[in-house]
Amino acid sequence: MDQEKLQIVEQQLLRERARSLRSFEMLLEDAGRHRDSTDAGLSGWPQNGADQAARHMEVETSLLLTGKEGRYLQRIEDALRRLYGSPSTFGTCMRCGTEIPFERLLALPHVRFCLECKLREEGSA
């Protein structure tokens, strides 16, 4: 992949990392608010079971989303490490070694596999 395309993918990765970090921080804050409101329910004020269940569900959902965003952020960080560590091999499939199409990298700059290998990994091919 030429230097110009690598720079475009790098900028895409940096934008995605910034967006993902903001989202991750907001999800953490949200999980903290839900946890605090659940803890406040232990203060002795009467609550019904439905309220408690709803609060617990909100906390669980926030934690699930935080974990998902954290995994996505890790994939972005891994892609940046690959890009900076070995720019000459960045954009090649880690399984078969073929070049990943630039359009695929623009859409998903963190990908490690070409579409054919990814489909094979998922059992679709």
N, C-alpha and C. Protein backbone atom coordinates (compact mmCIF):
# COMPACT_ATOMS: atom_id res chain seq x y z
N MET A 1 0.86 -1.17 0.00
CA MET A 1 0.00 0.00 0.00
C MET A 1 0.90 1.23 0.00
N ASP A 2 0.55 2.22 -0.81
CA ASP A 2 1.42 3.40 -0.89
C ASP A 2 1.24 4.31 0.32
N GLN A 3 2.18 5.22 0.48
CA GLN A 3 2.25 6.09 1.65
C GLN A 3 1.00 6.96 1.81
N GLU A 4 0.47 7.45 0.72
CA GLU A 4 -0.72 8.30 0.78
C GLU A 4 -1.92 7.54 1.35
N LYS A 5 -2.11 6.30 0.89
CA LYS A 5 -3.22 5.49 1.39
C LYS A 5 -3.01 5.13 2.86
N LEU A 6 -1.77 4.85 3.25
CA LEU A 6 -1.48 4.56 4.65
C LEU A 6 -1.83 5.76 5.54
N GLN A 7 -1.52 6.96 5.07
CA GLN A 7 -1.85 8.16 5.85
C GLN A 7 -3.36 8.34 5.97
N ILE A 8 -4.09 8.04 4.91
CA ILE A 8 -5.54 8.15 4.95
C ILE A 8 -6.11 7.16 5.98
N VAL A 9 -5.62 5.93 5.95
CA VAL A 9 -6.09 4.91 6.90
C VAL A 9 -5.68 5.30 8.32
N GLU A 10 -4.47 5.84 8.49
CA GLU A 10 -4.03 6.28 9.81
C GLU A 10 -4.97 7.36 10.36
N GLN A 11 -5.32 8.33 9.54
CA GLN A 11 -6.23 9.39 9.98
C GLN A 11 -7.60 8.82 10.34
N GLN A 12 -8.05 7.85 9.57
CA GLN A 12 -9.33 7.20 9.87
C GLN A 12 -9.26 6.48 11.22
N LEU A 13 -8.15 5.77 11.46
CA LEU A 13 -7.97 5.08 12.73
C LEU A 13 -7.92 6.06 13.90
N LEU A 14 -7.23 7.17 13.73
CA LEU A 14 -7.13 8.17 14.80
C LEU A 14 -8.49 8.80 15.09
N ARG A 15 -9.28 9.06 14.04
CA ARG A 15 -10.63 9.59 14.25
C ARG A 15 -11.50 8.58 14.99
N GLU A 16 -11.41 7.32 14.57
CA GLU A 16 -12.20 6.26 15.22
C GLU A 16 -11.78 6.09 16.68
N ARG A 17 -10.47 6.19 16.94
CA ARG A 17 -10.00 6.06 18.32
C ARG A 17 -10.56 7.19 19.17
N ALA A 18 -10.52 8.43 18.66
CA ALA A 18 -11.05 9.58 19.41
C ALA A 18 -12.55 9.41 19.66
N ARG A 19 -13.29 8.99 18.65
CA ARG A 19 -14.73 8.78 18.80
C ARG A 19 -15.02 7.68 19.81
N SER A 20 -14.28 6.59 19.71
CA SER A 20 -14.48 5.46 20.60
C SER A 20 -14.12 5.81 22.04
N LEU A 21 -13.07 6.58 22.23
CA LEU A 21 -12.69 7.00 23.58
C LEU A 21 -13.79 7.85 24.21
N ARG A 22 -14.34 8.79 23.43
CA ARG A 22 -15.45 9.62 23.94
C ARG A 22 -16.64 8.75 24.33
N SER A 23 -16.97 7.82 23.45
CA SER A 23 -18.10 6.94 23.70
C SER A 23 -17.84 6.07 24.94
N PHE A 24 -16.63 5.54 25.05
CA PHE A 24 -16.26 4.70 26.19
C PHE A 24 -16.38 5.48 27.49
N GLU A 25 -15.88 6.71 27.50
CA GLU A 25 -15.96 7.55 28.70
C GLU A 25 -17.41 7.85 29.07
N MET A 26 -18.25 8.15 28.08
CA MET A 26 -19.66 8.42 28.36
C MET A 26 -20.35 7.17 28.91
N LEU A 27 -20.04 6.02 28.36
CA LEU A 27 -20.63 4.78 28.85
C LEU A 27 -20.20 4.49 30.28
N LEU A 28 -18.93 4.75 30.60
CA LEU A 28 -18.46 4.56 31.97
C LEU A 28 -19.20 5.48 32.94
N GLU A 29 -19.36 6.74 32.53
CA GLU A 29 -20.09 7.69 33.37
C GLU A 29 -21.54 7.23 33.56
N ASP A 30 -22.15 6.78 32.49
CA ASP A 30 -23.52 6.30 32.54
C ASP A 30 -23.64 5.09 33.46
N ALA A 31 -22.70 4.16 33.35
CA ALA A 31 -22.72 2.98 34.23
C ALA A 31 -22.57 3.41 35.68
N GLY A 32 -21.72 4.42 35.94
CA GLY A 32 -21.55 4.92 37.30
C GLY A 32 -22.82 5.55 37.83
N ARG A 33 -23.52 6.31 36.99
CA ARG A 33 -24.78 6.93 37.42
C ARG A 33 -25.81 5.86 37.75
N HIS A 34 -25.91 4.84 36.87
CA HIS A 34 -26.87 3.77 37.13
C HIS A 34 -26.51 3.01 38.40
N ARG A 35 -25.22 2.77 38.60
CA ARG A 35 -24.79 2.07 39.80
C ARG A 35 -25.12 2.89 41.04
N ASP A 36 -24.84 4.21 40.96
CA ASP A 36 -25.13 5.08 42.09
C ASP A 36 -26.62 5.12 42.40
N SER A 37 -27.46 5.13 41.36
CA SER A 37 -28.90 5.16 41.61
C SER A 37 -29.36 3.83 42.19
N THR A 38 -28.71 2.74 41.81
CA THR A 38 -29.05 1.43 42.39
C THR A 38 -28.61 1.40 43.84
N ASP A 39 -27.42 1.92 44.12
CA ASP A 39 -26.94 1.97 45.50
C ASP A 39 -27.84 2.86 46.35
N ALA A 40 -28.34 3.94 45.75
CA ALA A 40 -29.23 4.85 46.48
C ALA A 40 -30.51 4.12 46.88
N GLY A 41 -30.88 3.12 46.09
CA GLY A 41 -32.06 2.34 46.42
C GLY A 41 -31.89 1.54 47.70
N LEU A 42 -30.67 1.38 48.14
CA LEU A 42 -30.42 0.65 49.38
C LEU A 42 -30.50 1.55 50.60
N SER A 43 -30.85 2.81 50.39
CA SER A 43 -30.83 3.79 51.48
C SER A 43 -32.00 3.66 52.44
N GLY A 44 -32.89 2.76 52.18
CA GLY A 44 -34.00 2.59 53.11
C GLY A 44 -35.32 3.09 52.55
N TRP A 45 -35.29 3.81 51.44
CA TRP A 45 -36.55 4.24 50.82
C TRP A 45 -37.24 3.02 50.25
N PRO A 46 -38.53 2.95 50.42
CA PRO A 46 -39.23 1.77 49.89
C PRO A 46 -39.18 1.74 48.36
N GLN A 47 -38.91 0.58 47.82
CA GLN A 47 -38.89 0.38 46.38
C GLN A 47 -39.63 -0.90 46.07
N ASN A 48 -40.21 -0.93 44.90
CA ASN A 48 -40.83 -2.19 44.53
C ASN A 48 -39.84 -3.01 43.70
N GLY A 49 -40.14 -4.26 43.52
CA GLY A 49 -39.24 -5.17 42.80
C GLY A 49 -39.02 -4.77 41.36
N ALA A 50 -40.04 -4.20 40.72
CA ALA A 50 -39.91 -3.80 39.32
C ALA A 50 -38.90 -2.67 39.17
N ASP A 51 -38.92 -1.71 40.12
CA ASP A 51 -37.95 -0.61 40.07
C ASP A 51 -36.53 -1.15 40.23
N GLN A 52 -36.35 -2.03 41.17
CA GLN A 52 -35.03 -2.60 41.39
C GLN A 52 -34.56 -3.39 40.18
N ALA A 53 -35.43 -4.17 39.59
CA ALA A 53 -35.08 -4.96 38.42
C ALA A 53 -34.71 -4.06 37.25
N ALA A 54 -35.46 -2.97 37.07
CA ALA A 54 -35.17 -2.04 35.98
C ALA A 54 -33.81 -1.38 36.18
N ARG A 55 -33.49 -1.01 37.41
CA ARG A 55 -32.19 -0.40 37.68
C ARG A 55 -31.05 -1.37 37.43
N HIS A 56 -31.25 -2.60 37.88
CA HIS A 56 -30.21 -3.61 37.65
C HIS A 56 -30.02 -3.88 36.17
N MET A 57 -31.11 -3.89 35.42
CA MET A 57 -31.03 -4.08 33.98
C MET A 57 -30.28 -2.93 33.32
N GLU A 58 -30.52 -1.70 33.77
CA GLU A 58 -29.81 -0.54 33.22
C GLU A 58 -28.32 -0.64 33.49
N VAL A 59 -27.94 -1.04 34.69
CA VAL A 59 -26.52 -1.20 35.03
C VAL A 59 -25.91 -2.29 34.15
N GLU A 60 -26.60 -3.41 34.02
CA GLU A 60 -26.09 -4.51 33.22
C GLU A 60 -25.92 -4.11 31.76
N THR A 61 -26.88 -3.38 31.21
CA THR A 61 -26.80 -2.92 29.84
C THR A 61 -25.63 -1.95 29.66
N SER A 62 -25.46 -1.02 30.60
CA SER A 62 -24.35 -0.08 30.52
C SER A 62 -23.01 -0.80 30.55
N LEU A 63 -22.89 -1.79 31.40
CA LEU A 63 -21.63 -2.54 31.48
C LEU A 63 -21.39 -3.35 30.21
N LEU A 64 -22.44 -3.92 29.64
CA LEU A 64 -22.31 -4.67 28.40
C LEU A 64 -21.83 -3.76 27.28
N LEU A 65 -22.44 -2.59 27.15
CA LEU A 65 -22.04 -1.64 26.11
C LEU A 65 -20.63 -1.12 26.33
N THR A 66 -20.26 -0.91 27.59
CA THR A 66 -18.91 -0.45 27.90
C THR A 66 -17.89 -1.51 27.48
N GLY A 67 -18.18 -2.76 27.75
CA GLY A 67 -17.28 -3.84 27.35
C GLY A 67 -17.14 -3.94 25.85
N LYS A 68 -18.25 -3.79 25.15
CA LYS A 68 -18.24 -3.87 23.69
C LYS A 68 -17.40 -2.72 23.11
N GLU A 69 -17.60 -1.53 23.63
CA GLU A 69 -16.83 -0.37 23.14
C GLU A 69 -15.35 -0.53 23.49
N GLY A 70 -15.07 -1.10 24.65
CA GLY A 70 -13.69 -1.34 25.05
C GLY A 70 -12.99 -2.32 24.10
N ARG A 71 -13.69 -3.36 23.69
CA ARG A 71 -13.11 -4.31 22.74
C ARG A 71 -12.86 -3.65 21.38
N TYR A 72 -13.79 -2.79 20.95
CA TYR A 72 -13.60 -2.09 19.68
C TYR A 72 -12.39 -1.16 19.78
N LEU A 73 -12.28 -0.45 20.88
CA LEU A 73 -11.14 0.43 21.10
C LEU A 73 -9.83 -0.36 21.06
N GLN A 74 -9.83 -1.55 21.61
CA GLN A 74 -8.63 -2.39 21.59
C GLN A 74 -8.27 -2.78 20.16
N ARG A 75 -9.26 -3.08 19.33
CA ARG A 75 -8.98 -3.41 17.93
C ARG A 75 -8.38 -2.22 17.20
N ILE A 76 -8.86 -1.02 17.50
CA ILE A 76 -8.30 0.19 16.89
C ILE A 76 -6.84 0.36 17.32
N GLU A 77 -6.59 0.21 18.62
CA GLU A 77 -5.22 0.34 19.15
C GLU A 77 -4.30 -0.71 18.52
N ASP A 78 -4.79 -1.94 18.38
CA ASP A 78 -3.98 -2.99 17.74
C ASP A 78 -3.65 -2.63 16.30
N ALA A 79 -4.62 -2.07 15.58
CA ALA A 79 -4.38 -1.68 14.19
C ALA A 79 -3.34 -0.56 14.12
N LEU A 80 -3.41 0.40 15.02
CA LEU A 80 -2.41 1.47 15.03
C LEU A 80 -1.02 0.90 15.33
N ARG A 81 -0.93 -0.06 16.24
CA ARG A 81 0.37 -0.69 16.53
C ARG A 81 0.91 -1.40 15.29
N ARG A 82 0.03 -2.11 14.57
CA ARG A 82 0.47 -2.78 13.34
C ARG A 82 0.93 -1.76 12.30
N LEU A 83 0.17 -0.68 12.18
CA LEU A 83 0.50 0.35 11.20
C LEU A 83 1.84 1.00 11.51
N TYR A 84 2.05 1.39 12.76
CA TYR A 84 3.29 2.06 13.15
C TYR A 84 4.47 1.08 13.23
N GLY A 85 4.19 -0.16 13.62
CA GLY A 85 5.26 -1.13 13.79
C GLY A 85 5.78 -1.71 12.49
N SER A 86 4.89 -1.88 11.54
CA SER A 86 5.27 -2.49 10.27
C SER A 86 4.41 -1.94 9.13
N PRO A 87 4.65 -0.68 8.76
CA PRO A 87 3.81 -0.08 7.73
C PRO A 87 3.88 -0.80 6.39
N SER A 88 4.98 -1.48 6.11
CA SER A 88 5.10 -2.16 4.81
C SER A 88 4.17 -3.37 4.70
N THR A 89 3.76 -3.95 5.83
CA THR A 89 2.85 -5.10 5.78
C THR A 89 1.44 -4.76 6.22
N PHE A 90 1.22 -3.52 6.66
CA PHE A 90 -0.12 -3.14 7.07
C PHE A 90 -1.05 -3.20 5.86
N GLY A 91 -2.24 -3.73 6.08
CA GLY A 91 -3.21 -3.83 4.98
C GLY A 91 -3.12 -5.14 4.23
N THR A 92 -2.31 -6.07 4.75
CA THR A 92 -2.30 -7.40 4.17
C THR A 92 -3.01 -8.35 5.13
N CYS A 93 -3.68 -9.32 4.57
CA CYS A 93 -4.44 -10.28 5.37
C CYS A 93 -3.48 -11.08 6.25
N MET A 94 -3.80 -11.17 7.51
CA MET A 94 -2.94 -11.89 8.44
C MET A 94 -3.04 -13.40 8.28
N ARG A 95 -3.99 -13.87 7.51
CA ARG A 95 -4.12 -15.32 7.29
C ARG A 95 -3.50 -15.73 5.95
N CYS A 96 -3.91 -15.09 4.86
CA CYS A 96 -3.45 -15.55 3.54
C CYS A 96 -2.38 -14.65 2.92
N GLY A 97 -2.19 -13.45 3.48
CA GLY A 97 -1.14 -12.57 2.99
C GLY A 97 -1.50 -11.71 1.79
N THR A 98 -2.74 -11.82 1.30
CA THR A 98 -3.13 -10.98 0.18
C THR A 98 -3.43 -9.57 0.68
N GLU A 99 -3.34 -8.62 -0.24
CA GLU A 99 -3.62 -7.23 0.14
C GLU A 99 -5.12 -7.03 0.35
N ILE A 100 -5.46 -6.40 1.47
CA ILE A 100 -6.85 -6.07 1.77
C ILE A 100 -7.21 -4.86 0.93
N PRO A 101 -8.32 -4.90 0.20
CA PRO A 101 -8.69 -3.76 -0.63
C PRO A 101 -8.79 -2.46 0.19
N PHE A 102 -8.31 -1.39 -0.39
CA PHE A 102 -8.30 -0.09 0.27
C PHE A 102 -9.70 0.31 0.71
N GLU A 103 -10.71 0.01 -0.09
CA GLU A 103 -12.10 0.35 0.25
C GLU A 103 -12.53 -0.34 1.54
N ARG A 104 -12.09 -1.57 1.72
CA ARG A 104 -12.42 -2.31 2.96
C ARG A 104 -11.73 -1.65 4.14
N LEU A 105 -10.49 -1.23 3.96
CA LEU A 105 -9.76 -0.56 5.04
C LEU A 105 -10.38 0.80 5.38
N LEU A 106 -10.91 1.48 4.38
CA LEU A 106 -11.58 2.76 4.66
C LEU A 106 -12.83 2.54 5.50
N ALA A 107 -13.56 1.48 5.17
CA ALA A 107 -14.80 1.20 5.90
C ALA A 107 -14.51 0.64 7.29
N LEU A 108 -13.52 -0.22 7.39
CA LEU A 108 -13.16 -0.88 8.66
C LEU A 108 -11.64 -0.83 8.80
N PRO A 109 -11.09 0.29 9.22
CA PRO A 109 -9.63 0.44 9.20
C PRO A 109 -8.89 -0.50 10.15
N HIS A 110 -9.60 -1.17 11.04
CA HIS A 110 -8.96 -2.05 12.01
C HIS A 110 -8.91 -3.51 11.55
N VAL A 111 -9.44 -3.82 10.35
CA VAL A 111 -9.54 -5.22 9.93
C VAL A 111 -8.16 -5.87 9.80
N ARG A 112 -8.15 -7.17 10.07
CA ARG A 112 -6.91 -7.94 9.98
C ARG A 112 -6.95 -8.95 8.84
N PHE A 113 -8.16 -9.24 8.34
CA PHE A 113 -8.32 -10.28 7.34
C PHE A 113 -9.02 -9.74 6.09
N CYS A 114 -8.70 -10.35 4.95
CA CYS A 114 -9.45 -10.04 3.73
C CYS A 114 -10.86 -10.60 3.92
N LEU A 115 -11.77 -10.19 3.08
CA LEU A 115 -13.16 -10.61 3.22
C LEU A 115 -13.31 -12.12 3.12
N GLU A 116 -12.60 -12.74 2.19
CA GLU A 116 -12.72 -14.19 2.01
C GLU A 116 -12.27 -14.94 3.27
N CYS A 117 -11.16 -14.54 3.86
CA CYS A 117 -10.68 -15.20 5.08
C CYS A 117 -11.60 -14.92 6.26
N LYS A 118 -12.14 -13.72 6.33
CA LYS A 118 -13.07 -13.39 7.42
C LYS A 118 -14.35 -14.23 7.32
N LEU A 119 -14.87 -14.37 6.11
CA LEU A 119 -16.06 -15.20 5.91
C LEU A 119 -15.76 -16.65 6.25
N ARG A 120 -14.58 -17.13 5.87
CA ARG A 120 -14.19 -18.50 6.17
C ARG A 120 -14.09 -18.67 7.69
N GLU A 121 -13.53 -17.68 8.38
CA GLU A 121 -13.41 -17.75 9.84
C GLU A 121 -14.78 -17.82 10.50
N GLU A 122 -15.75 -17.10 9.96
CA GLU A 122 -17.09 -17.09 10.53
C GLU A 122 -17.93 -18.27 10.07
N GLY A 123 -17.37 -19.10 9.19
CA GLY A 123 -18.09 -20.28 8.72
C GLY A 123 -19.08 -19.99 7.62
N SER A 124 -18.94 -18.83 6.96
CA SER A 124 -19.88 -18.45 5.92
C SER A 124 -19.41 -18.84 4.53
N ALA A 125 -18.17 -19.27 4.43
CA ALA A 125 -17.67 -19.60 3.09
C ALA A 125 -17.15 -21.02 3.05
